Amino acid sequence: SNYIYIYAPNYFSSLSEEQLNGNIYKYLIGIKHLIGNPVYPLKILEREMHLIEKDYRETLLSEMRRNKKIQSIDYSQKAENTNWFIDYSHFTEFAASELASMLAIEILDIKTK
């Protein structure tokens, strides 16, 4: 492979079974600026966003695997929990350090094969 693509974890791929299947329903917050500040804001549950993210990830990685010049690695499940995130997509310093260590080992392993 000439390239390595890493699909990083995000808040939605890191939701626990309890968060996905429990009786607490949390709506996305703080995304109006991403969708043009609509008059009637979207109401999307975190568990619904999990399904959208999962479908996007699986489709993207499936398509990328068709290109033999790209090795894709799915890290979407590597975060221990949603506390690894400052918001929906940005890691805490701890999480960034943990993921960087995992990734360094994996890339060295790939390059020495």
PDB file of N, CA and C in Angstrom:
ATOM      1  N   SER A   1       0.830  -1.196   0.000  1.00  0.00           N
ATOM      2  CA  SER A   1       0.000   0.000   0.000  1.00  0.00           C
ATOM      3  C   SER A   1       0.870   1.253   0.000  1.00  0.00           C
ATOM      4  N   ASN A   2       0.442   2.237  -0.747  1.00  0.00           N
ATOM      5  CA  ASN A   2       1.150   3.508  -0.770  1.00  0.00           C
ATOM      6  C   ASN A   2       0.667   4.441   0.331  1.00  0.00           C
ATOM      7  N   TYR A   3      -0.573   4.236   0.770  1.00  0.00           N
ATOM      8  CA  TYR A   3      -1.190   5.131   1.741  1.00  0.00           C
ATOM      9  C   TYR A   3      -1.879   4.335   2.847  1.00  0.00           C
ATOM     10  N   ILE A   4      -1.964   4.958   3.995  1.00  0.00           N
ATOM     11  CA  ILE A   4      -2.718   4.388   5.109  1.00  0.00           C
ATOM     12  C   ILE A   4      -3.771   5.407   5.514  1.00  0.00           C
ATOM     13  N   TYR A   5      -5.020   4.974   5.546  1.00  0.00           N
ATOM     14  CA  TYR A   5      -6.123   5.841   5.972  1.00  0.00           C
ATOM     15  C   TYR A   5      -6.631   5.317   7.312  1.00  0.00           C
ATOM     16  N   ILE A   6      -6.701   6.196   8.293  1.00  0.00           N
ATOM     17  CA  ILE A   6      -7.188   5.823   9.614  1.00  0.00           C
ATOM     18  C   ILE A   6      -8.535   6.492   9.840  1.00  0.00           C
ATOM     19  N   TYR A   7      -9.555   5.686  10.117  1.00  0.00           N
ATOM     20  CA  TYR A   7     -10.853   6.246  10.507  1.00  0.00           C
ATOM     21  C   TYR A   7     -10.818   6.378  12.028  1.00  0.00           C
ATOM     22  N   ALA A   8     -10.771   7.609  12.494  1.00  0.00           N
ATOM     23  CA  ALA A   8     -10.635   7.876  13.925  1.00  0.00           C
ATOM     24  C   ALA A   8     -11.968   7.705  14.647  1.00  0.00           C
ATOM     25  N   PRO A   9     -11.905   7.406  15.924  1.00  0.00           N
ATOM     26  CA  PRO A   9     -13.146   7.337  16.694  1.00  0.00           C
ATOM     27  C   PRO A   9     -13.758   8.718  16.847  1.00  0.00           C
ATOM     28  N   ASN A  10     -15.033   8.760  17.082  1.00  0.00           N
ATOM     29  CA  ASN A  10     -15.716  10.009  17.391  1.00  0.00           C
ATOM     30  C   ASN A  10     -16.737   9.726  18.492  1.00  0.00           C
ATOM     31  N   TYR A  11     -17.340  10.748  18.970  1.00  0.00           N
ATOM     32  CA  TYR A  11     -18.292  10.625  20.069  1.00  0.00           C
ATOM     33  C   TYR A  11     -19.377   9.585  19.763  1.00  0.00           C
ATOM     34  N   PHE A  12     -19.901   9.619  18.538  1.00  0.00           N
ATOM     35  CA  PHE A  12     -21.029   8.753  18.183  1.00  0.00           C
ATOM     36  C   PHE A  12     -20.625   7.296  18.029  1.00  0.00           C
ATOM     37  N   SER A  13     -19.411   7.047  17.535  1.00  0.00           N
ATOM     38  CA  SER A  13     -18.953   5.662  17.411  1.00  0.00           C
ATOM     39  C   SER A  13     -18.554   5.092  18.766  1.00  0.00           C
ATOM     40  N   SER A  14     -18.473   5.948  19.770  1.00  0.00           N
ATOM     41  CA  SER A  14     -18.019   5.538  21.100  1.00  0.00           C
ATOM     42  C   SER A  14     -19.138   5.459  22.136  1.00  0.00           C
ATOM     43  N   LEU A  15     -20.377   5.613  21.701  1.00  0.00           N
ATOM     44  CA  LEU A  15     -21.502   5.504  22.641  1.00  0.00           C
ATOM     45  C   LEU A  15     -21.589   4.088  23.195  1.00  0.00           C
ATOM     46  N   SER A  16     -21.861   3.978  24.480  1.00  0.00           N
ATOM     47  CA  SER A  16     -21.963   2.669  25.121  1.00  0.00           C
ATOM     48  C   SER A  16     -23.312   2.024  24.798  1.00  0.00           C
ATOM     49  N   GLU A  17     -23.424   0.738  25.070  1.00  0.00           N
ATOM     50  CA  GLU A  17     -24.696   0.030  24.873  1.00  0.00           C
ATOM     51  C   GLU A  17     -25.800   0.690  25.693  1.00  0.00           C
ATOM     52  N   GLU A  18     -25.458   1.124  26.897  1.00  0.00           N
ATOM     53  CA  GLU A  18     -26.445   1.795  27.751  1.00  0.00           C
ATOM     54  C   GLU A  18     -26.911   3.106  27.122  1.00  0.00           C
ATOM     55  N   GLN A  19     -25.978   3.866  26.570  1.00  0.00           N
ATOM     56  CA  GLN A  19     -26.342   5.123  25.917  1.00  0.00           C
ATOM     57  C   GLN A  19     -27.191   4.883  24.673  1.00  0.00           C
ATOM     58  N   LEU A  20     -26.929   3.791  23.980  1.00  0.00           N
ATOM     59  CA  LEU A  20     -27.663   3.484  22.754  1.00  0.00           C
ATOM     60  C   LEU A  20     -29.033   2.874  23.022  1.00  0.00           C
ATOM     61  N   ASN A  21     -29.135   2.078  24.079  1.00  0.00           N
ATOM     62  CA  ASN A  21     -30.363   1.312  24.309  1.00  0.00           C
ATOM     63  C   ASN A  21     -31.111   1.666  25.586  1.00  0.00           C
ATOM     64  N   GLY A  22     -30.572   2.589  26.366  1.00  0.00           N
ATOM     65  CA  GLY A  22     -31.193   2.950  27.640  1.00  0.00           C
ATOM     66  C   GLY A  22     -32.428   3.819  27.471  1.00  0.00           C
ATOM     67  N   ASN A  23     -32.971   4.243  28.581  1.00  0.00           N
ATOM     68  CA  ASN A  23     -34.188   5.059  28.588  1.00  0.00           C
ATOM     69  C   ASN A  23     -33.926   6.555  28.588  1.00  0.00           C
ATOM     70  N   ILE A  24     -32.659   6.948  28.519  1.00  0.00           N
ATOM     71  CA  ILE A  24     -32.321   8.368  28.472  1.00  0.00           C
ATOM     72  C   ILE A  24     -32.106   8.756  27.012  1.00  0.00           C
ATOM     73  N   TYR A  25     -32.861   9.758  26.563  1.00  0.00           N
ATOM     74  CA  TYR A  25     -32.799  10.202  25.178  1.00  0.00           C
ATOM     75  C   TYR A  25     -32.141  11.575  25.124  1.00  0.00           C
ATOM     76  N   LYS A  26     -30.929  11.624  24.580  1.00  0.00           N
ATOM     77  CA  LYS A  26     -30.192  12.885  24.491  1.00  0.00           C
ATOM     78  C   LYS A  26     -30.183  13.378  23.055  1.00  0.00           C
ATOM     79  N   TYR A  27     -30.570  14.651  22.891  1.00  0.00           N
ATOM     80  CA  TYR A  27     -30.526  15.281  21.577  1.00  0.00           C
ATOM     81  C   TYR A  27     -29.159  15.907  21.343  1.00  0.00           C
ATOM     82  N   LEU A  28     -28.769  16.006  20.070  1.00  0.00           N
ATOM     83  CA  LEU A  28     -27.544  16.727  19.728  1.00  0.00           C
ATOM     84  C   LEU A  28     -27.714  18.183  20.126  1.00  0.00           C
ATOM     85  N   ILE A  29     -26.626  18.776  20.585  1.00  0.00           N
ATOM     86  CA  ILE A  29     -26.663  20.187  20.954  1.00  0.00           C
ATOM     87  C   ILE A  29     -25.499  20.908  20.292  1.00  0.00           C
ATOM     88  N   GLY A  30     -25.660  22.204  20.098  1.00  0.00           N
ATOM     89  CA  GLY A  30     -24.558  23.036  19.630  1.00  0.00           C
ATOM     90  C   GLY A  30     -24.150  22.822  18.196  1.00  0.00           C
ATOM     91  N   ILE A  31     -25.085  22.419  17.319  1.00  0.00           N
ATOM     92  CA  ILE A  31     -24.704  22.189  15.919  1.00  0.00           C
ATOM     93  C   ILE A  31     -25.380  23.153  14.944  1.00  0.00           C
ATOM     94  N   LYS A  32     -26.143  24.118  15.452  1.00  0.00           N
ATOM     95  CA  LYS A  32     -26.862  25.040  14.567  1.00  0.00           C
ATOM     96  C   LYS A  32     -25.933  25.713  13.558  1.00  0.00           C
ATOM     97  N   HIS A  33     -24.743  26.118  14.010  1.00  0.00           N
ATOM     98  CA  HIS A  33     -23.803  26.800  13.125  1.00  0.00           C
ATOM     99  C   HIS A  33     -23.341  25.909  11.975  1.00  0.00           C
ATOM    100  N   LEU A  34     -23.438  24.590  12.161  1.00  0.00           N
ATOM    101  CA  LEU A  34     -23.024  23.662  11.112  1.00  0.00           C
ATOM    102  C   LEU A  34     -24.089  23.480  10.040  1.00  0.00           C
ATOM    103  N   ILE A  35     -25.318  23.811  10.374  1.00  0.00           N
ATOM    104  CA  ILE A  35     -26.424  23.575   9.436  1.00  0.00           C
ATOM    105  C   ILE A  35     -27.157  24.866   9.093  1.00  0.00           C
ATOM    106  N   GLY A  36     -26.487  26.005   9.251  1.00  0.00           N
ATOM    107  CA  GLY A  36     -27.025  27.282   8.792  1.00  0.00           C
ATOM    108  C   GLY A  36     -28.017  27.960   9.715  1.00  0.00           C
ATOM    109  N   ASN A  37     -27.953  27.725  10.998  1.00  0.00           N
ATOM    110  CA  ASN A  37     -28.835  28.366  11.977  1.00  0.00           C
ATOM    111  C   ASN A  37     -30.308  28.353  11.552  1.00  0.00           C
ATOM    112  N   PRO A  38     -30.900  27.183  11.380  1.00  0.00           N
ATOM    113  CA  PRO A  38     -32.295  27.115  10.918  1.00  0.00           C
ATOM    114  C   PRO A  38     -33.265  27.704  11.932  1.00  0.00           C
ATOM    115  N   VAL A  39     -34.385  28.219  11.429  1.00  0.00           N
ATOM    116  CA  VAL A  39     -35.428  28.760  12.297  1.00  0.00           C
ATOM    117  C   VAL A  39     -35.999  27.644  13.162  1.00  0.00           C
ATOM    118  N   TYR A  40     -36.214  26.496  12.550  1.00  0.00           N
ATOM    119  CA  TYR A  40     -36.704  25.321  13.268  1.00  0.00           C
ATOM    120  C   TYR A  40     -35.566  24.320  13.366  1.00  0.00           C
ATOM    121  N   PRO A  41     -34.887  24.292  14.490  1.00  0.00           N
ATOM    122  CA  PRO A  41     -33.689  23.456  14.616  1.00  0.00           C
ATOM    123  C   PRO A  41     -34.001  21.964  14.485  1.00  0.00           C
ATOM    124  N   LEU A  42     -33.020  21.269  13.925  1.00  0.00           N
ATOM    125  CA  LEU A  42     -33.103  19.822  13.827  1.00  0.00           C
ATOM    126  C   LEU A  42     -33.154  19.214  15.219  1.00  0.00           C
ATOM    127  N   LYS A  43     -33.924  18.170  15.360  1.00  0.00           N
ATOM    128  CA  LYS A  43     -33.915  17.412  16.607  1.00  0.00           C
ATOM    129  C   LYS A  43     -33.477  16.001  16.262  1.00  0.00           C
ATOM    130  N   ILE A  44     -32.201  15.741  16.508  1.00  0.00           N
ATOM    131  CA  ILE A  44     -31.626  14.431  16.226  1.00  0.00           C
ATOM    132  C   ILE A  44     -31.105  13.858  17.533  1.00  0.00           C
ATOM    133  N   LEU A  45     -31.486  12.643  17.823  1.00  0.00           N
ATOM    134  CA  LEU A  45     -30.990  11.968  19.013  1.00  0.00           C
ATOM    135  C   LEU A  45     -29.566  11.478  18.782  1.00  0.00           C
ATOM    136  N   GLU A  46     -28.780  11.413  19.848  1.00  0.00           N
ATOM    137  CA  GLU A  46     -27.425  10.890  19.744  1.00  0.00           C
ATOM    138  C   GLU A  46     -27.437   9.479  19.177  1.00  0.00           C
ATOM    139  N   ARG A  47     -28.393   8.666  19.593  1.00  0.00           N
ATOM    140  CA  ARG A  47     -28.448   7.282  19.095  1.00  0.00           C
ATOM    141  C   ARG A  47     -28.798   7.234  17.616  1.00  0.00           C
ATOM    142  N   GLU A  48     -29.542   8.228  17.123  1.00  0.00           N
ATOM    143  CA  GLU A  48     -29.811   8.300  15.681  1.00  0.00           C
ATOM    144  C   GLU A  48     -28.534   8.696  14.930  1.00  0.00           C
ATOM    145  N   MET A  49     -27.787   9.613  15.508  1.00  0.00           N
ATOM    146  CA  MET A  49     -26.532  10.030  14.888  1.00  0.00           C
ATOM    147  C   MET A  49     -25.538   8.874  14.870  1.00  0.00           C
ATOM    148  N   HIS A  50     -25.582   8.034  15.866  1.00  0.00           N
ATOM    149  CA  HIS A  50     -24.739   6.830  15.896  1.00  0.00           C
ATOM    150  C   HIS A  50     -25.006   5.971  14.661  1.00  0.00           C
ATOM    151  N   LEU A  51     -26.270   5.783  14.319  1.00  0.00           N
ATOM    152  CA  LEU A  51     -26.632   4.977  13.143  1.00  0.00           C
ATOM    153  C   LEU A  51     -26.164   5.637  11.843  1.00  0.00           C
ATOM    154  N   ILE A  52     -26.308   6.959  11.752  1.00  0.00           N
ATOM    155  CA  ILE A  52     -25.859   7.691  10.565  1.00  0.00           C
ATOM    156  C   ILE A  52     -24.340   7.568  10.429  1.00  0.00           C
ATOM    157  N   GLU A  53     -23.627   7.771  11.535  1.00  0.00           N
ATOM    158  CA  GLU A  53     -22.162   7.677  11.527  1.00  0.00           C
ATOM    159  C   GLU A  53     -21.724   6.269  11.148  1.00  0.00           C
ATOM    160  N   LYS A  54     -22.363   5.261  11.706  1.00  0.00           N
ATOM    161  CA  LYS A  54     -22.004   3.863  11.439  1.00  0.00           C
ATOM    162  C   LYS A  54     -22.200   3.534   9.963  1.00  0.00           C
ATOM    163  N   ASP A  55     -23.303   3.947   9.392  1.00  0.00           N
ATOM    164  CA  ASP A  55     -23.570   3.699   7.973  1.00  0.00           C
ATOM    165  C   ASP A  55     -22.534   4.418   7.104  1.00  0.00           C
ATOM    166  N   TYR A  56     -22.244   5.668   7.427  1.00  0.00           N
ATOM    167  CA  TYR A  56     -21.231   6.437   6.689  1.00  0.00           C
ATOM    168  C   TYR A  56     -19.875   5.727   6.764  1.00  0.00           C
ATOM    169  N   ARG A  57     -19.464   5.347   7.976  1.00  0.00           N
ATOM    170  CA  ARG A  57     -18.164   4.695   8.180  1.00  0.00           C
ATOM    171  C   ARG A  57     -18.062   3.397   7.400  1.00  0.00           C
ATOM    172  N   GLU A  58     -19.073   2.557   7.517  1.00  0.00           N
ATOM    173  CA  GLU A  58     -19.024   1.263   6.832  1.00  0.00           C
ATOM    174  C   GLU A  58     -18.981   1.424   5.315  1.00  0.00           C
ATOM    175  N   THR A  59     -19.733   2.376   4.787  1.00  0.00           N
ATOM    176  CA  THR A  59     -19.731   2.627   3.346  1.00  0.00           C
ATOM    177  C   THR A  59     -18.384   3.185   2.898  1.00  0.00           C
ATOM    178  N   LEU A  60     -17.866   4.166   3.627  1.00  0.00           N
ATOM    179  CA  LEU A  60     -16.574   4.770   3.289  1.00  0.00           C
ATOM    180  C   LEU A  60     -15.470   3.724   3.290  1.00  0.00           C
ATOM    181  N   LEU A  61     -15.371   2.941   4.355  1.00  0.00           N
ATOM    182  CA  LEU A  61     -14.296   1.956   4.457  1.00  0.00           C
ATOM    183  C   LEU A  61     -14.441   0.858   3.406  1.00  0.00           C
ATOM    184  N   SER A  62     -15.656   0.477   3.110  1.00  0.00           N
ATOM    185  CA  SER A  62     -15.899  -0.521   2.069  1.00  0.00           C
ATOM    186  C   SER A  62     -15.405  -0.017   0.715  1.00  0.00           C
ATOM    187  N   GLU A  63     -15.721   1.224   0.405  1.00  0.00           N
ATOM    188  CA  GLU A  63     -15.269   1.811  -0.864  1.00  0.00           C
ATOM    189  C   GLU A  63     -13.753   1.973  -0.890  1.00  0.00           C
ATOM    190  N   MET A  64     -13.167   2.366   0.218  1.00  0.00           N
ATOM    191  CA  MET A  64     -11.715   2.569   0.262  1.00  0.00           C
ATOM    192  C   MET A  64     -10.968   1.253   0.100  1.00  0.00           C
ATOM    193  N   ARG A  65     -11.529   0.175   0.608  1.00  0.00           N
ATOM    194  CA  ARG A  65     -10.862  -1.135   0.499  1.00  0.00           C
ATOM    195  C   ARG A  65     -10.781  -1.613  -0.953  1.00  0.00           C
ATOM    196  N   ARG A  66     -11.557  -1.030  -1.805  1.00  0.00           N
ATOM    197  CA  ARG A  66     -11.506  -1.381  -3.226  1.00  0.00           C
ATOM    198  C   ARG A  66     -10.243  -0.848  -3.897  1.00  0.00           C
ATOM    199  N   ASN A  67      -9.660   0.200  -3.317  1.00  0.00           N
ATOM    200  CA  ASN A  67      -8.434   0.784  -3.849  1.00  0.00           C
ATOM    201  C   ASN A  67      -7.243   0.089  -3.181  1.00  0.00           C
ATOM    202  N   LYS A  68      -6.523  -0.709  -3.938  1.00  0.00           N
ATOM    203  CA  LYS A  68      -5.426  -1.512  -3.385  1.00  0.00           C
ATOM    204  C   LYS A  68      -4.210  -0.677  -2.968  1.00  0.00           C
ATOM    205  N   LYS A  69      -4.189   0.598  -3.345  1.00  0.00           N
ATOM    206  CA  LYS A  69      -3.082   1.474  -2.951  1.00  0.00           C
ATOM    207  C   LYS A  69      -3.297   2.083  -1.569  1.00  0.00           C
ATOM    208  N   ILE A  70      -4.482   1.878  -1.015  1.00  0.00           N
ATOM    209  CA  ILE A  70      -4.816   2.451   0.290  1.00  0.00           C
ATOM    210  C   ILE A  70      -5.113   1.329   1.283  1.00  0.00           C
ATOM    211  N   GLN A  71      -4.398   1.342   2.377  1.00  0.00           N
ATOM    212  CA  GLN A  71      -4.724   0.425   3.469  1.00  0.00           C
ATOM    213  C   GLN A  71      -5.555   1.215   4.471  1.00  0.00           C
ATOM    214  N   SER A  72      -6.758   0.773   4.723  1.00  0.00           N
ATOM    215  CA  SER A  72      -7.618   1.491   5.669  1.00  0.00           C
ATOM    216  C   SER A  72      -7.683   0.738   6.983  1.00  0.00           C
ATOM    217  N   ILE A  73      -7.670   1.508   8.061  1.00  0.00           N
ATOM    218  CA  ILE A  73      -7.722   0.956   9.411  1.00  0.00           C
ATOM    219  C   ILE A  73      -8.860   1.638  10.154  1.00  0.00           C
ATOM    220  N   ASP A  74      -9.704   0.838  10.755  1.00  0.00           N
ATOM    221  CA  ASP A  74     -10.871   1.358  11.464  1.00  0.00           C
ATOM    222  C   ASP A  74     -10.569   1.460  12.960  1.00  0.00           C
ATOM    223  N   TYR A  75     -10.393   2.688  13.427  1.00  0.00           N
ATOM    224  CA  TYR A  75     -10.168   2.943  14.853  1.00  0.00           C
ATOM    225  C   TYR A  75     -11.447   3.433  15.546  1.00  0.00           C
ATOM    226  N   SER A  76     -12.576   3.308  14.888  1.00  0.00           N
ATOM    227  CA  SER A  76     -13.820   3.883  15.412  1.00  0.00           C
ATOM    228  C   SER A  76     -14.212   3.358  16.788  1.00  0.00           C
ATOM    229  N   GLN A  77     -13.766   2.153  17.126  1.00  0.00           N
ATOM    230  CA  GLN A  77     -14.129   1.569  18.413  1.00  0.00           C
ATOM    231  C   GLN A  77     -13.005   1.657  19.453  1.00  0.00           C
ATOM    232  N   LYS A  78     -11.969   2.394  19.164  1.00  0.00           N
ATOM    233  CA  LYS A  78     -10.793   2.449  20.046  1.00  0.00           C
ATOM    234  C   LYS A  78     -10.963   3.338  21.269  1.00  0.00           C
ATOM    235  N   ALA A  79     -11.862   4.296  21.233  1.00  0.00           N
ATOM    236  CA  ALA A  79     -12.069   5.155  22.409  1.00  0.00           C
ATOM    237  C   ALA A  79     -12.749   4.340  23.502  1.00  0.00           C
ATOM    238  N   GLU A  80     -12.292   4.483  24.718  1.00  0.00           N
ATOM    239  CA  GLU A  80     -12.864   3.715  25.831  1.00  0.00           C
ATOM    240  C   GLU A  80     -14.289   4.133  26.150  1.00  0.00           C
ATOM    241  N   ASN A  81     -14.580   5.417  25.957  1.00  0.00           N
ATOM    242  CA  ASN A  81     -15.937   5.924  26.197  1.00  0.00           C
ATOM    243  C   ASN A  81     -16.030   7.350  25.663  1.00  0.00           C
ATOM    244  N   THR A  82     -17.186   7.952  25.831  1.00  0.00           N
ATOM    245  CA  THR A  82     -17.398   9.304  25.288  1.00  0.00           C
ATOM    246  C   THR A  82     -16.633  10.377  26.067  1.00  0.00           C
ATOM    247  N   ASN A  83     -16.069  10.033  27.219  1.00  0.00           N
ATOM    248  CA  ASN A  83     -15.255  10.996  27.968  1.00  0.00           C
ATOM    249  C   ASN A  83     -13.934  11.297  27.272  1.00  0.00           C
ATOM    250  N   TRP A  84     -13.627  10.590  26.222  1.00  0.00           N
ATOM    251  CA  TRP A  84     -12.413  10.831  25.447  1.00  0.00           C
ATOM    252  C   TRP A  84     -12.564  12.050  24.543  1.00  0.00           C
ATOM    253  N   PHE A  85     -13.749  12.677  24.530  1.00  0.00           N
ATOM    254  CA  PHE A  85     -14.023  13.752  23.582  1.00  0.00           C
ATOM    255  C   PHE A  85     -14.389  15.053  24.281  1.00  0.00           C
ATOM    256  N   ILE A  86     -13.869  16.148  23.739  1.00  0.00           N
ATOM    257  CA  ILE A  86     -14.222  17.485  24.215  1.00  0.00           C
ATOM    258  C   ILE A  86     -15.615  17.834  23.716  1.00  0.00           C
ATOM    259  N   ASP A  87     -15.881  17.450  22.478  1.00  0.00           N
ATOM    260  CA  ASP A  87     -17.182  17.656  21.848  1.00  0.00           C
ATOM    261  C   ASP A  87     -17.465  16.411  21.014  1.00  0.00           C
ATOM    262  N   TYR A  88     -18.194  16.522  19.921  1.00  0.00           N
ATOM    263  CA  TYR A  88     -18.553  15.341  19.147  1.00  0.00           C
ATOM    264  C   TYR A  88     -17.403  14.748  18.329  1.00  0.00           C
ATOM    265  N   SER A  89     -16.344  15.515  18.083  1.00  0.00           N
ATOM    266  CA  SER A  89     -15.274  14.984  17.239  1.00  0.00           C
ATOM    267  C   SER A  89     -13.852  15.264  17.710  1.00  0.00           C
ATOM    268  N   HIS A  90     -13.659  16.113  18.705  1.00  0.00           N
ATOM    269  CA  HIS A  90     -12.306  16.473  19.137  1.00  0.00           C
ATOM    270  C   HIS A  90     -11.910  15.725  20.402  1.00  0.00           C
ATOM    271  N   PHE A  91     -10.698  15.152  20.356  1.00  0.00           N
ATOM    272  CA  PHE A  91     -10.193  14.349  21.473  1.00  0.00           C
ATOM    273  C   PHE A  91      -9.702  15.214  22.625  1.00  0.00           C
ATOM    274  N   THR A  92      -9.744  14.639  23.822  1.00  0.00           N
ATOM    275  CA  THR A  92      -9.040  15.227  24.958  1.00  0.00           C
ATOM    276  C   THR A  92      -7.551  14.956  24.745  1.00  0.00           C
ATOM    277  N   GLU A  93      -6.700  15.615  25.509  1.00  0.00           N
ATOM    278  CA  GLU A  93      -5.260  15.361  25.401  1.00  0.00           C
ATOM    279  C   GLU A  93      -4.938  13.912  25.733  1.00  0.00           C
ATOM    280  N   PHE A  94      -5.599  13.372  26.750  1.00  0.00           N
ATOM    281  CA  PHE A  94      -5.390  11.973  27.131  1.00  0.00           C
ATOM    282  C   PHE A  94      -5.713  11.057  25.960  1.00  0.00           C
ATOM    283  N   ALA A  95      -6.878  11.254  25.344  1.00  0.00           N
ATOM    284  CA  ALA A  95      -7.307  10.402  24.236  1.00  0.00           C
ATOM    285  C   ALA A  95      -6.350  10.520  23.049  1.00  0.00           C
ATOM    286  N   ALA A  96      -5.930  11.724  22.730  1.00  0.00           N
ATOM    287  CA  ALA A  96      -5.004  11.924  21.619  1.00  0.00           C
ATOM    288  C   ALA A  96      -3.702  11.172  21.862  1.00  0.00           C
ATOM    289  N   SER A  97      -3.212  11.225  23.088  1.00  0.00           N
ATOM    290  CA  SER A  97      -1.985  10.524  23.440  1.00  0.00           C
ATOM    291  C   SER A  97      -2.163   9.006  23.325  1.00  0.00           C
ATOM    292  N   GLU A  98      -3.262   8.500  23.831  1.00  0.00           N
ATOM    293  CA  GLU A  98      -3.541   7.055  23.767  1.00  0.00           C
ATOM    294  C   GLU A  98      -3.639   6.579  22.318  1.00  0.00           C
ATOM    295  N   LEU A  99      -4.389   7.313  21.514  1.00  0.00           N
ATOM    296  CA  LEU A  99      -4.571   6.930  20.115  1.00  0.00           C
ATOM    297  C   LEU A  99      -3.267   7.038  19.338  1.00  0.00           C
ATOM    298  N   ALA A 100      -2.480   8.070  19.600  1.00  0.00           N
ATOM    299  CA  ALA A 100      -1.197   8.233  18.922  1.00  0.00           C
ATOM    300  C   ALA A 100      -0.269   7.063  19.236  1.00  0.00           C
ATOM    301  N   SER A 101      -0.268   6.613  20.479  1.00  0.00           N
ATOM    302  CA  SER A 101       0.571   5.466  20.862  1.00  0.00           C
ATOM    303  C   SER A 101       0.122   4.202  20.137  1.00  0.00           C
ATOM    304  N   MET A 102      -1.183   3.950  20.107  1.00  0.00           N
ATOM    305  CA  MET A 102      -1.711   2.777  19.406  1.00  0.00           C
ATOM    306  C   MET A 102      -1.351   2.833  17.925  1.00  0.00           C
ATOM    307  N   LEU A 103      -1.554   3.994  17.349  1.00  0.00           N
ATOM    308  CA  LEU A 103      -1.342   4.170  15.921  1.00  0.00           C
ATOM    309  C   LEU A 103       0.135   4.020  15.555  1.00  0.00           C
ATOM    310  N   ALA A 104       1.019   4.569  16.367  1.00  0.00           N
ATOM    311  CA  ALA A 104       2.456   4.462  16.094  1.00  0.00           C
ATOM    312  C   ALA A 104       2.882   2.996  16.042  1.00  0.00           C
ATOM    313  N   ILE A 105       2.417   2.209  16.980  1.00  0.00           N
ATOM    314  CA  ILE A 105       2.751   0.781  17.010  1.00  0.00           C
ATOM    315  C   ILE A 105       2.217   0.078  15.765  1.00  0.00           C
ATOM    316  N   GLU A 106       0.986   0.378  15.404  1.00  0.00           N
ATOM    317  CA  GLU A 106       0.369  -0.279  14.247  1.00  0.00           C
ATOM    318  C   GLU A 106       1.061   0.108  12.939  1.00  0.00           C
ATOM    319  N   ILE A 107       1.386   1.373  12.778  1.00  0.00           N
ATOM    320  CA  ILE A 107       2.052   1.806  11.546  1.00  0.00           C
ATOM    321  C   ILE A 107       3.454   1.221  11.447  1.00  0.00           C
ATOM    322  N   LEU A 108       4.184   1.181  12.556  1.00  0.00           N
ATOM    323  CA  LEU A 108       5.511   0.544  12.525  1.00  0.00           C
ATOM    324  C   LEU A 108       5.404  -0.924  12.144  1.00  0.00           C
ATOM    325  N   ASP A 109       4.391  -1.587  12.657  1.00  0.00           N
ATOM    326  CA  ASP A 109       4.177  -2.992  12.332  1.00  0.00           C
ATOM    327  C   ASP A 109       3.891  -3.166  10.833  1.00  0.00           C
ATOM    328  N   ILE A 110       3.071  -2.298  10.285  1.00  0.00           N
ATOM    329  CA  ILE A 110       2.729  -2.362   8.852  1.00  0.00           C
ATOM    330  C   ILE A 110       3.973  -2.108   8.008  1.00  0.00           C
ATOM    331  N   LYS A 111       4.744  -1.125   8.379  1.00  0.00           N
ATOM    332  CA  LYS A 111       5.917  -0.744   7.572  1.00  0.00           C
ATOM    333  C   LYS A 111       7.072  -1.745   7.666  1.00  0.00           C
ATOM    334  N   THR A 112       7.101  -2.552   8.710  1.00  0.00           N
ATOM    335  CA  THR A 112       8.189  -3.536   8.839  1.00  0.00           C
ATOM    336  C   THR A 112       7.823  -4.886   8.232  1.00  0.00           C
ATOM    337  N   LYS A 113       6.613  -5.013   7.716  1.00  0.00           N
ATOM    338  CA  LYS A 113       6.208  -6.272   7.072  1.00  0.00           C
ATOM    339  C   LYS A 113       6.762  -6.366   5.675  1.00  0.00           C
TER     340      LYS A 113
END
